[in-house]
PDB file of N, CA and C in Angstrom:
ATOM      1  N   MET A   1      -6.530  -3.259  19.729  1.00  0.00           N
ATOM      2  CA  MET A   1      -6.935  -3.820  18.414  1.00  0.00           C
ATOM      3  C   MET A   1      -5.507  -4.392  17.796  1.00  0.00           C
ATOM      4  N   THR A   2      -5.442  -5.667  16.869  1.00  0.00           N
ATOM      5  CA  THR A   2      -4.283  -5.906  16.446  1.00  0.00           C
ATOM      6  C   THR A   2      -4.169  -5.115  15.265  1.00  0.00           C
ATOM      7  N   GLU A   3      -2.862  -4.700  15.183  1.00  0.00           N
ATOM      8  CA  GLU A   3      -2.446  -3.610  13.921  1.00  0.00           C
ATOM      9  C   GLU A   3      -1.837  -4.437  12.682  1.00  0.00           C
ATOM     10  N   GLN A   4      -1.922  -3.974  11.644  1.00  0.00           N
ATOM     11  CA  GLN A   4      -1.348  -4.381  10.421  1.00  0.00           C
ATOM     12  C   GLN A   4       0.189  -4.726  10.595  1.00  0.00           C
ATOM     13  N   PRO A   5       0.846  -5.717  10.608  1.00  0.00           N
ATOM     14  CA  PRO A   5       2.413  -5.531  10.691  1.00  0.00           C
ATOM     15  C   PRO A   5       3.034  -5.146   9.470  1.00  0.00           C
ATOM     16  N   SER A   6       4.128  -4.348   9.562  1.00  0.00           N
ATOM     17  CA  SER A   6       4.671  -4.095   8.260  1.00  0.00           C
ATOM     18  C   SER A   6       5.242  -4.979   7.408  1.00  0.00           C
ATOM     19  N   ALA A   7       5.539  -6.290   7.914  1.00  0.00           N
ATOM     20  CA  ALA A   7       5.893  -7.329   6.954  1.00  0.00           C
ATOM     21  C   ALA A   7       4.854  -8.042   6.640  1.00  0.00           C
ATOM     22  N   GLY A   8       3.640  -7.858   6.674  1.00  0.00           N
ATOM     23  CA  GLY A   8       2.433  -8.430   6.234  1.00  0.00           C
ATOM     24  C   GLY A   8       1.976  -8.048   4.699  1.00  0.00           C
ATOM     25  N   ARG A   9       1.109  -8.735   4.115  1.00  0.00           N
ATOM     26  CA  ARG A   9       0.482  -8.437   2.948  1.00  0.00           C
ATOM     27  C   ARG A   9      -1.065  -8.306   3.139  1.00  0.00           C
ATOM     28  N   ALA A  10      -1.460  -7.143   2.582  1.00  0.00           N
ATOM     29  CA  ALA A  10      -3.005  -6.602   3.015  1.00  0.00           C
ATOM     30  C   ALA A  10      -3.888  -7.412   1.720  1.00  0.00           C
ATOM     31  N   PHE A  11      -4.999  -7.813   2.257  1.00  0.00           N
ATOM     32  CA  PHE A  11      -6.036  -8.399   1.086  1.00  0.00           C
ATOM     33  C   PHE A  11      -7.548  -7.942   1.483  1.00  0.00           C
ATOM     34  N   ARG A  12      -8.327  -8.158   0.515  1.00  0.00           N
ATOM     35  CA  ARG A  12      -9.682  -7.919   0.991  1.00  0.00           C
ATOM     36  C   ARG A  12     -10.444  -9.039   0.545  1.00  0.00           C
ATOM     37  N   LEU A  13     -11.287  -9.577   1.578  1.00  0.00           N
ATOM     38  CA  LEU A  13     -12.194 -10.975   1.661  1.00  0.00           C
ATOM     39  C   LEU A  13     -13.448 -10.686   1.126  1.00  0.00           C
ATOM     40  N   TYR A  14     -13.936 -11.124  -0.061  1.00  0.00           N
ATOM     41  CA  TYR A  14     -15.054 -10.936  -0.622  1.00  0.00           C
ATOM     42  C   TYR A  14     -15.978 -12.406  -0.255  1.00  0.00           C
ATOM     43  N   LEU A  15     -17.041 -12.522   0.946  1.00  0.00           N
ATOM     44  CA  LEU A  15     -17.492 -13.562   1.195  1.00  0.00           C
ATOM     45  C   LEU A  15     -18.828 -13.830   0.244  1.00  0.00           C
ATOM     46  N   SER A  16     -18.967 -15.156   0.200  1.00  0.00           N
ATOM     47  CA  SER A  16     -20.158 -15.755  -0.937  1.00  0.00           C
ATOM     48  C   SER A  16     -21.448 -15.038  -0.574  1.00  0.00           C
ATOM     49  N   HIS A  17     -21.865 -14.482   0.643  1.00  0.00           N
ATOM     50  CA  HIS A  17     -22.939 -13.760   1.080  1.00  0.00           C
ATOM     51  C   HIS A  17     -23.015 -12.317   0.813  1.00  0.00           C
ATOM     52  N   GLY A  18     -21.875 -11.857   0.367  1.00  0.00           N
ATOM     53  CA  GLY A  18     -21.929 -10.234   0.208  1.00  0.00           C
ATOM     54  C   GLY A  18     -21.165  -9.490   1.196  1.00  0.00           C
ATOM     55  N   LEU A  19     -20.382 -10.208   2.384  1.00  0.00           N
ATOM     56  CA  LEU A  19     -19.964  -9.296   3.147  1.00  0.00           C
ATOM     57  C   LEU A  19     -18.305  -9.067   2.697  1.00  0.00           C
ATOM     58  N   VAL A  20     -17.902  -8.082   3.105  1.00  0.00           N
ATOM     59  CA  VAL A  20     -16.433  -7.794   2.515  1.00  0.00           C
ATOM     60  C   VAL A  20     -15.737  -7.404   3.690  1.00  0.00           C
ATOM     61  N   LEU A  21     -14.352  -8.219   4.067  1.00  0.00           N
ATOM     62  CA  LEU A  21     -13.684  -7.762   5.108  1.00  0.00           C
ATOM     63  C   LEU A  21     -12.441  -7.600   4.628  1.00  0.00           C
ATOM     64  N   ASP A  22     -11.684  -6.671   5.386  1.00  0.00           N
ATOM     65  CA  ASP A  22     -10.162  -6.351   5.152  1.00  0.00           C
ATOM     66  C   ASP A  22      -9.527  -7.222   5.897  1.00  0.00           C
ATOM     67  N   GLY A  23      -8.135  -7.620   5.550  1.00  0.00           N
ATOM     68  CA  GLY A  23      -7.276  -8.494   6.406  1.00  0.00           C
ATOM     69  C   GLY A  23      -6.017  -8.341   5.818  1.00  0.00           C
ATOM     70  N   TRP A  24      -4.957  -9.255   6.547  1.00  0.00           N
ATOM     71  CA  TRP A  24      -3.713  -9.268   6.082  1.00  0.00           C
ATOM     72  C   TRP A  24      -3.002 -10.550   6.532  1.00  0.00           C
ATOM     73  N   VAL A  25      -2.087 -10.970   5.762  1.00  0.00           N
ATOM     74  CA  VAL A  25      -1.299 -12.124   5.723  1.00  0.00           C
ATOM     75  C   VAL A  25      -0.079 -11.626   6.600  1.00  0.00           C
ATOM     76  N   THR A  26       0.328 -12.493   7.794  1.00  0.00           N
ATOM     77  CA  THR A  26       1.620 -11.894   8.263  1.00  0.00           C
ATOM     78  C   THR A  26       2.801 -12.755   7.866  1.00  0.00           C
ATOM     79  N   ALA A  27       4.004 -12.318   8.219  1.00  0.00           N
ATOM     80  CA  ALA A  27       5.164 -12.725   7.584  1.00  0.00           C
ATOM     81  C   ALA A  27       5.360 -14.227   7.736  1.00  0.00           C
ATOM     82  N   SER A  28       4.725 -14.889   8.744  1.00  0.00           N
ATOM     83  CA  SER A  28       4.730 -16.379   8.987  1.00  0.00           C
ATOM     84  C   SER A  28       3.647 -17.085   8.213  1.00  0.00           C
ATOM     85  N   GLY A  29       2.717 -16.281   7.529  1.00  0.00           N
ATOM     86  CA  GLY A  29       1.665 -16.780   6.754  1.00  0.00           C
ATOM     87  C   GLY A  29       0.244 -16.938   7.344  1.00  0.00           C
ATOM     88  N   ARG A  30       0.077 -16.496   8.459  1.00  0.00           N
ATOM     89  CA  ARG A  30      -1.199 -16.609   9.337  1.00  0.00           C
ATOM     90  C   ARG A  30      -1.875 -15.404   8.650  1.00  0.00           C
ATOM     91  N   ALA A  31      -3.224 -15.780   8.256  1.00  0.00           N
ATOM     92  CA  ALA A  31      -4.236 -14.866   7.875  1.00  0.00           C
ATOM     93  C   ALA A  31      -5.071 -14.323   8.997  1.00  0.00           C
ATOM     94  N   VAL A  32      -5.217 -13.200   8.930  1.00  0.00           N
ATOM     95  CA  VAL A  32      -6.146 -12.128   9.800  1.00  0.00           C
ATOM     96  C   VAL A  32      -7.275 -11.366   9.000  1.00  0.00           C
ATOM     97  N   ALA A  33      -8.569 -11.503   9.496  1.00  0.00           N
ATOM     98  CA  ALA A  33      -9.413 -10.641   8.864  1.00  0.00           C
ATOM     99  C   ALA A  33     -10.174  -9.788  10.216  1.00  0.00           C
ATOM    100  N   VAL A  34     -10.443  -8.460   9.804  1.00  0.00           N
ATOM    101  CA  VAL A  34     -10.882  -7.645  10.546  1.00  0.00           C
ATOM    102  C   VAL A  34     -12.684  -7.867  10.449  1.00  0.00           C
ATOM    103  N   GLU A  35     -13.362  -8.294  11.365  1.00  0.00           N
ATOM    104  CA  GLU A  35     -14.697  -8.549  11.144  1.00  0.00           C
ATOM    105  C   GLU A  35     -15.522  -7.103  11.812  1.00  0.00           C
ATOM    106  N   ASP A  36     -15.128  -6.554  12.718  1.00  0.00           N
ATOM    107  CA  ASP A  36     -15.742  -5.334  13.182  1.00  0.00           C
ATOM    108  C   ASP A  36     -14.767  -4.336  14.025  1.00  0.00           C
ATOM    109  N   LEU A  37     -14.476  -3.237  13.212  1.00  0.00           N
ATOM    110  CA  LEU A  37     -13.529  -2.317  13.865  1.00  0.00           C
ATOM    111  C   LEU A  37     -13.887  -1.729  15.194  1.00  0.00           C
ATOM    112  N   GLU A  38     -15.185  -1.376  15.283  1.00  0.00           N
ATOM    113  CA  GLU A  38     -15.755  -0.651  16.400  1.00  0.00           C
ATOM    114  C   GLU A  38     -15.458  -1.502  17.726  1.00  0.00           C
ATOM    115  N   TYR A  39     -15.738  -2.932  17.455  1.00  0.00           N
ATOM    116  CA  TYR A  39     -15.655  -3.689  18.646  1.00  0.00           C
ATOM    117  C   TYR A  39     -14.392  -4.558  18.580  1.00  0.00           C
ATOM    118  N   GLU A  40     -13.468  -4.187  17.712  1.00  0.00           N
ATOM    119  CA  GLU A  40     -12.217  -4.839  17.662  1.00  0.00           C
ATOM    120  C   GLU A  40     -12.237  -6.497  17.634  1.00  0.00           C
ATOM    121  N   LEU A  41     -13.147  -6.806  16.637  1.00  0.00           N
ATOM    122  CA  LEU A  41     -13.156  -8.335  16.468  1.00  0.00           C
ATOM    123  C   LEU A  41     -12.292  -8.813  15.034  1.00  0.00           C
ATOM    124  N   THR A  42     -11.819  -9.763  15.388  1.00  0.00           N
ATOM    125  CA  THR A  42     -10.837 -10.233  14.338  1.00  0.00           C
ATOM    126  C   THR A  42     -11.045 -11.827  14.097  1.00  0.00           C
ATOM    127  N   ALA A  43     -10.714 -12.456  12.943  1.00  0.00           N
ATOM    128  CA  ALA A  43     -10.682 -13.788  12.766  1.00  0.00           C
ATOM    129  C   ALA A  43      -9.258 -13.966  12.293  1.00  0.00           C
ATOM    130  N   SER A  44      -8.708 -15.253  12.876  1.00  0.00           N
ATOM    131  CA  SER A  44      -7.408 -15.619  12.268  1.00  0.00           C
ATOM    132  C   SER A  44      -7.456 -17.129  11.888  1.00  0.00           C
ATOM    133  N   ALA A  45      -6.456 -17.396  11.023  1.00  0.00           N
ATOM    134  CA  ALA A  45      -6.485 -18.840  10.469  1.00  0.00           C
ATOM    135  C   ALA A  45      -5.168 -19.061  10.230  1.00  0.00           C
ATOM    136  N   PRO A  46      -4.595 -20.377   9.934  1.00  0.00           N
ATOM    137  CA  PRO A  46      -3.085 -20.652   9.677  1.00  0.00           C
ATOM    138  C   PRO A  46      -2.648 -20.305   8.210  1.00  0.00           C
ATOM    139  N   SER A  47      -3.785 -19.926   7.475  1.00  0.00           N
ATOM    140  CA  SER A  47      -3.530 -19.427   6.048  1.00  0.00           C
ATOM    141  C   SER A  47      -5.014 -18.985   5.463  1.00  0.00           C
ATOM    142  N   VAL A  48      -4.801 -18.214   4.385  1.00  0.00           N
ATOM    143  CA  VAL A  48      -5.701 -17.738   3.712  1.00  0.00           C
ATOM    144  C   VAL A  48      -6.751 -18.698   3.154  1.00  0.00           C
ATOM    145  N   GLU A  49      -6.304 -19.552   2.838  1.00  0.00           N
ATOM    146  CA  GLU A  49      -7.321 -20.642   2.253  1.00  0.00           C
ATOM    147  C   GLU A  49      -8.044 -21.355   3.226  1.00  0.00           C
ATOM    148  N   ASP A  50      -7.535 -21.516   4.690  1.00  0.00           N
ATOM    149  CA  ASP A  50      -8.174 -21.826   5.955  1.00  0.00           C
ATOM    150  C   ASP A  50      -9.183 -20.895   6.139  1.00  0.00           C
ATOM    151  N   LEU A  51      -8.820 -19.707   6.086  1.00  0.00           N
ATOM    152  CA  LEU A  51      -9.778 -18.453   6.408  1.00  0.00           C
ATOM    153  C   LEU A  51     -10.993 -18.520   5.666  1.00  0.00           C
ATOM    154  N   VAL A  52     -10.732 -18.439   4.383  1.00  0.00           N
ATOM    155  CA  VAL A  52     -11.777 -18.415   3.377  1.00  0.00           C
ATOM    156  C   VAL A  52     -12.755 -19.543   3.807  1.00  0.00           C
ATOM    157  N   ARG A  53     -12.209 -20.731   3.544  1.00  0.00           N
ATOM    158  CA  ARG A  53     -12.824 -22.186   4.095  1.00  0.00           C
ATOM    159  C   ARG A  53     -13.731 -21.778   5.446  1.00  0.00           C
ATOM    160  N   GLY A  54     -13.411 -21.176   6.320  1.00  0.00           N
ATOM    161  CA  GLY A  54     -13.998 -21.073   7.672  1.00  0.00           C
ATOM    162  C   GLY A  54     -15.251 -20.363   7.549  1.00  0.00           C
ATOM    163  N   TYR A  55     -15.378 -19.256   6.582  1.00  0.00           N
ATOM    164  CA  TYR A  55     -16.289 -18.346   6.337  1.00  0.00           C
ATOM    165  C   TYR A  55     -17.241 -18.954   5.204  1.00  0.00           C
ATOM    166  N   GLY A  56     -16.850 -20.028   4.849  1.00  0.00           N
ATOM    167  CA  GLY A  56     -17.973 -20.909   3.725  1.00  0.00           C
ATOM    168  C   GLY A  56     -17.907 -20.506   2.419  1.00  0.00           C
ATOM    169  N   GLY A  57     -16.613 -20.004   2.063  1.00  0.00           N
ATOM    170  CA  GLY A  57     -16.227 -19.588   0.949  1.00  0.00           C
ATOM    171  C   GLY A  57     -16.096 -18.235   0.466  1.00  0.00           C
ATOM    172  N   GLY A  58     -15.441 -17.850  -0.761  1.00  0.00           N
ATOM    173  CA  GLY A  58     -15.362 -16.364  -1.112  1.00  0.00           C
ATOM    174  C   GLY A  58     -14.257 -16.354  -1.992  1.00  0.00           C
ATOM    175  N   ARG A  59     -13.814 -14.990  -2.182  1.00  0.00           N
ATOM    176  CA  ARG A  59     -12.645 -14.819  -3.056  1.00  0.00           C
ATOM    177  C   ARG A  59     -11.779 -13.803  -2.546  1.00  0.00           C
ATOM    178  N   VAL A  60     -10.402 -13.934  -2.616  1.00  0.00           N
ATOM    179  CA  VAL A  60      -9.493 -12.876  -2.151  1.00  0.00           C
ATOM    180  C   VAL A  60      -9.116 -11.982  -3.187  1.00  0.00           C
ATOM    181  N   GLN A  61      -9.016 -10.789  -2.972  1.00  0.00           N
ATOM    182  CA  GLN A  61      -8.223  -9.613  -3.683  1.00  0.00           C
ATOM    183  C   GLN A  61      -7.071  -9.159  -2.994  1.00  0.00           C
ATOM    184  N   TRP A  62      -5.935  -9.480  -3.520  1.00  0.00           N
ATOM    185  CA  TRP A  62      -4.648  -8.815  -3.110  1.00  0.00           C
ATOM    186  C   TRP A  62      -4.476  -7.439  -3.244  1.00  0.00           C
ATOM    187  N   LEU A  63      -4.281  -6.519  -2.141  1.00  0.00           N
ATOM    188  CA  LEU A  63      -4.110  -5.034  -2.255  1.00  0.00           C
ATOM    189  C   LEU A  63      -2.515  -4.910  -2.679  1.00  0.00           C
ATOM    190  N   PRO A  64      -2.447  -3.915  -3.296  1.00  0.00           N
ATOM    191  CA  PRO A  64      -1.028  -3.189  -3.477  1.00  0.00           C
ATOM    192  C   PRO A  64      -0.274  -2.921  -2.162  1.00  0.00           C
ATOM    193  N   PRO A  65       1.052  -3.023  -2.321  1.00  0.00           N
ATOM    194  CA  PRO A  65       1.785  -2.753  -0.926  1.00  0.00           C
ATOM    195  C   PRO A  65       1.633  -1.093  -0.687  1.00  0.00           C
ATOM    196  N   THR A  66       1.463  -0.805   0.430  1.00  0.00           N
ATOM    197  CA  THR A  66       1.468   0.681   0.723  1.00  0.00           C
ATOM    198  C   THR A  66       2.879   1.032   1.370  1.00  0.00           C
ATOM    199  N   PRO A  67       3.349   2.320   1.075  1.00  0.00           N
ATOM    200  CA  PRO A  67       4.937   2.632   1.786  1.00  0.00           C
ATOM    201  C   PRO A  67       4.659   2.873   3.255  1.00  0.00           C
ATOM    202  N   GLN A  68       5.623   2.768   4.121  1.00  0.00           N
ATOM    203  CA  GLN A  68       5.567   2.710   5.387  1.00  0.00           C
ATOM    204  C   GLN A  68       6.327   3.814   5.754  1.00  0.00           C
ATOM    205  N   HIS A  69       5.828   4.743   6.490  1.00  0.00           N
ATOM    206  CA  HIS A  69       6.537   6.263   7.092  1.00  0.00           C
ATOM    207  C   HIS A  69       7.600   5.933   8.022  1.00  0.00           C
ATOM    208  N   GLN A  70       8.605   6.328   7.788  1.00  0.00           N
ATOM    209  CA  GLN A  70       9.656   5.954   8.884  1.00  0.00           C
ATOM    210  C   GLN A  70       9.537   6.813   9.985  1.00  0.00           C
ATOM    211  N   ALA A  71       9.091   7.905   9.950  1.00  0.00           N
ATOM    212  CA  ALA A  71       8.744   9.031  11.064  1.00  0.00           C
ATOM    213  C   ALA A  71       7.718   9.957  10.869  1.00  0.00           C
ATOM    214  N   PRO A  72       6.920  10.316  11.736  1.00  0.00           N
ATOM    215  CA  PRO A  72       5.912  11.124  11.477  1.00  0.00           C
ATOM    216  C   PRO A  72       6.359  12.526  10.977  1.00  0.00           C
ATOM    217  N   PRO A  73       5.604  13.302  10.204  1.00  0.00           N
ATOM    218  CA  PRO A  73       6.149  14.619   9.739  1.00  0.00           C
ATOM    219  C   PRO A  73       6.286  15.581  10.872  1.00  0.00           C
ATOM    220  N   ALA A  74       7.272  16.439  10.690  1.00  0.00           N
ATOM    221  CA  ALA A  74       7.539  17.197  11.802  1.00  0.00           C
ATOM    222  C   ALA A  74       6.411  18.541  11.736  1.00  0.00           C
ATOM    223  N   GLN A  75       6.408  18.712  13.298  1.00  0.00           N
ATOM    224  CA  GLN A  75       5.502  19.746  13.510  1.00  0.00           C
ATOM    225  C   GLN A  75       6.084  21.133  13.404  1.00  0.00           C
ATOM    226  N   GLN A  76       5.014  22.107  13.297  1.00  0.00           N
ATOM    227  CA  GLN A  76       5.528  23.438  13.025  1.00  0.00           C
ATOM    228  C   GLN A  76       6.236  23.769  14.143  1.00  0.00           C
ATOM    229  N   GLY A  77       7.352  24.418  13.673  1.00  0.00           N
ATOM    230  CA  GLY A  77       8.552  24.929  14.514  1.00  0.00           C
ATOM    231  C   GLY A  77       9.467  23.843  15.144  1.00  0.00           C
ATOM    232  N   GLU A  78       8.973  22.568  14.678  1.00  0.00           N
ATOM    233  CA  GLU A  78      10.055  21.608  15.269  1.00  0.00           C
ATOM    234  C   GLU A  78      11.173  21.198  14.247  1.00  0.00           C
ATOM    235  N   ARG A  79      12.265  21.221  14.778  1.00  0.00           N
ATOM    236  CA  ARG A  79      13.554  20.862  13.984  1.00  0.00           C
ATOM    237  C   ARG A  79      13.953  19.331  13.634  1.00  0.00           C
ATOM    238  N   ARG A  80      14.139  19.055  12.531  1.00  0.00           N
ATOM    239  CA  ARG A  80      14.244  17.635  12.173  1.00  0.00           C
ATOM    240  C   ARG A  80      16.004  17.434  11.938  1.00  0.00           C
TER     241      ARG A  80
END
Protein backbone atom coordinates (compact mmCIF):
# COMPACT_ATOMS: atom_id res chain seq x y z
CA MET A 1 0.00 0.00 0.00
CA THR A 2 1.12 3.54 -0.59
CA GLU A 3 2.19 5.12 2.66
CA GLN A 4 1.73 8.73 3.63
CA PRO A 5 4.94 10.61 2.85
CA SER A 6 6.47 12.71 5.63
CA ALA A 7 6.32 15.83 3.41
CA GLY A 8 2.56 15.45 2.87
CA ARG A 9 -0.42 17.03 4.58
CA ALA A 10 -3.20 14.80 5.93
CA PHE A 11 -6.90 15.41 5.41
CA ARG A 12 -10.26 13.72 5.89
CA LEU A 13 -12.68 13.82 2.94
CA TYR A 14 -16.39 13.87 3.81
CA LEU A 15 -18.32 12.85 0.70
CA SER A 16 -21.82 14.13 0.00
CA HIS A 17 -23.37 10.64 0.37
CA GLY A 18 -21.88 10.12 3.86
CA LEU A 19 -18.68 8.15 3.24
CA VAL A 20 -15.53 9.49 4.95
CA LEU A 21 -12.07 8.84 3.47
CA ASP A 22 -8.63 9.58 4.88
CA GLY A 23 -6.02 10.99 2.57
CA TRP A 24 -3.04 13.26 2.10
CA VAL A 25 -1.55 15.77 -0.28
CA THR A 26 2.01 15.12 -1.43
CA ALA A 27 4.71 17.77 -1.50
CA SER A 28 4.05 18.13 -5.26
CA GLY A 29 0.34 18.83 -4.62
CA ARG A 30 -1.09 15.47 -5.71
CA ALA A 31 -4.06 14.33 -3.59
CA VAL A 32 -4.46 10.70 -2.52
CA ALA A 33 -7.46 9.17 -0.72
CA VAL A 34 -7.61 5.70 0.83
CA GLU A 35 -10.81 3.94 -0.20
CA ASP A 36 -10.20 0.52 1.40
CA LEU A 37 -7.30 -0.39 3.69
CA GLU A 38 -7.97 -4.14 3.52
CA TYR A 39 -7.68 -4.26 -0.27
CA GLU A 40 -5.20 -1.36 -0.44
CA LEU A 41 -7.41 0.69 -2.77
CA THR A 42 -6.57 4.34 -3.24
CA ALA A 43 -7.68 7.15 -5.53
CA SER A 44 -5.49 10.03 -6.61
CA ALA A 45 -5.87 13.28 -8.51
CA PRO A 46 -3.69 16.24 -9.47
CA SER A 47 -5.24 18.34 -6.66
CA VAL A 48 -7.64 18.11 -3.72
CA GLU A 49 -10.24 20.04 -5.71
CA ASP A 50 -10.01 17.49 -8.54
CA LEU A 51 -10.30 14.62 -6.05
CA VAL A 52 -13.46 16.08 -4.47
CA ARG A 53 -14.94 16.77 -7.91
CA GLY A 54 -14.20 13.17 -8.96
CA TYR A 55 -16.25 11.88 -6.04
CA GLY A 56 -19.18 14.12 -6.92
CA GLY A 57 -18.65 16.68 -4.15
CA GLY A 58 -17.88 16.82 -0.47
CA ARG A 59 -15.79 18.77 1.98
CA VAL A 60 -12.20 18.52 3.19
CA GLN A 61 -11.13 18.68 6.84
CA TRP A 62 -7.40 19.38 7.17
CA LEU A 63 -5.80 17.40 9.98
CA PRO A 64 -3.10 18.83 12.25
CA PRO A 65 0.45 17.73 11.49
CA THR A 66 1.76 14.80 13.52
CA PRO A 67 5.37 14.53 14.67
CA GLN A 68 7.51 12.04 12.78
CA HIS A 69 9.67 9.65 14.81
CA GLN A 70 13.33 9.76 13.89
CA ALA A 71 14.07 6.25 15.18
CA PRO A 72 12.06 3.47 16.81
CA PRO A 73 12.25 3.26 20.60
CA ALA A 74 15.10 1.17 22.03
CA GLN A 75 14.28 -2.40 22.93
CA GLN A 76 14.93 -3.74 26.42
CA GLY A 77 18.64 -4.27 26.85
CA GLU A 78 19.53 -2.43 23.62
CA ARG A 79 21.99 0.42 23.86
CA ARG A 80 21.39 3.69 22.06
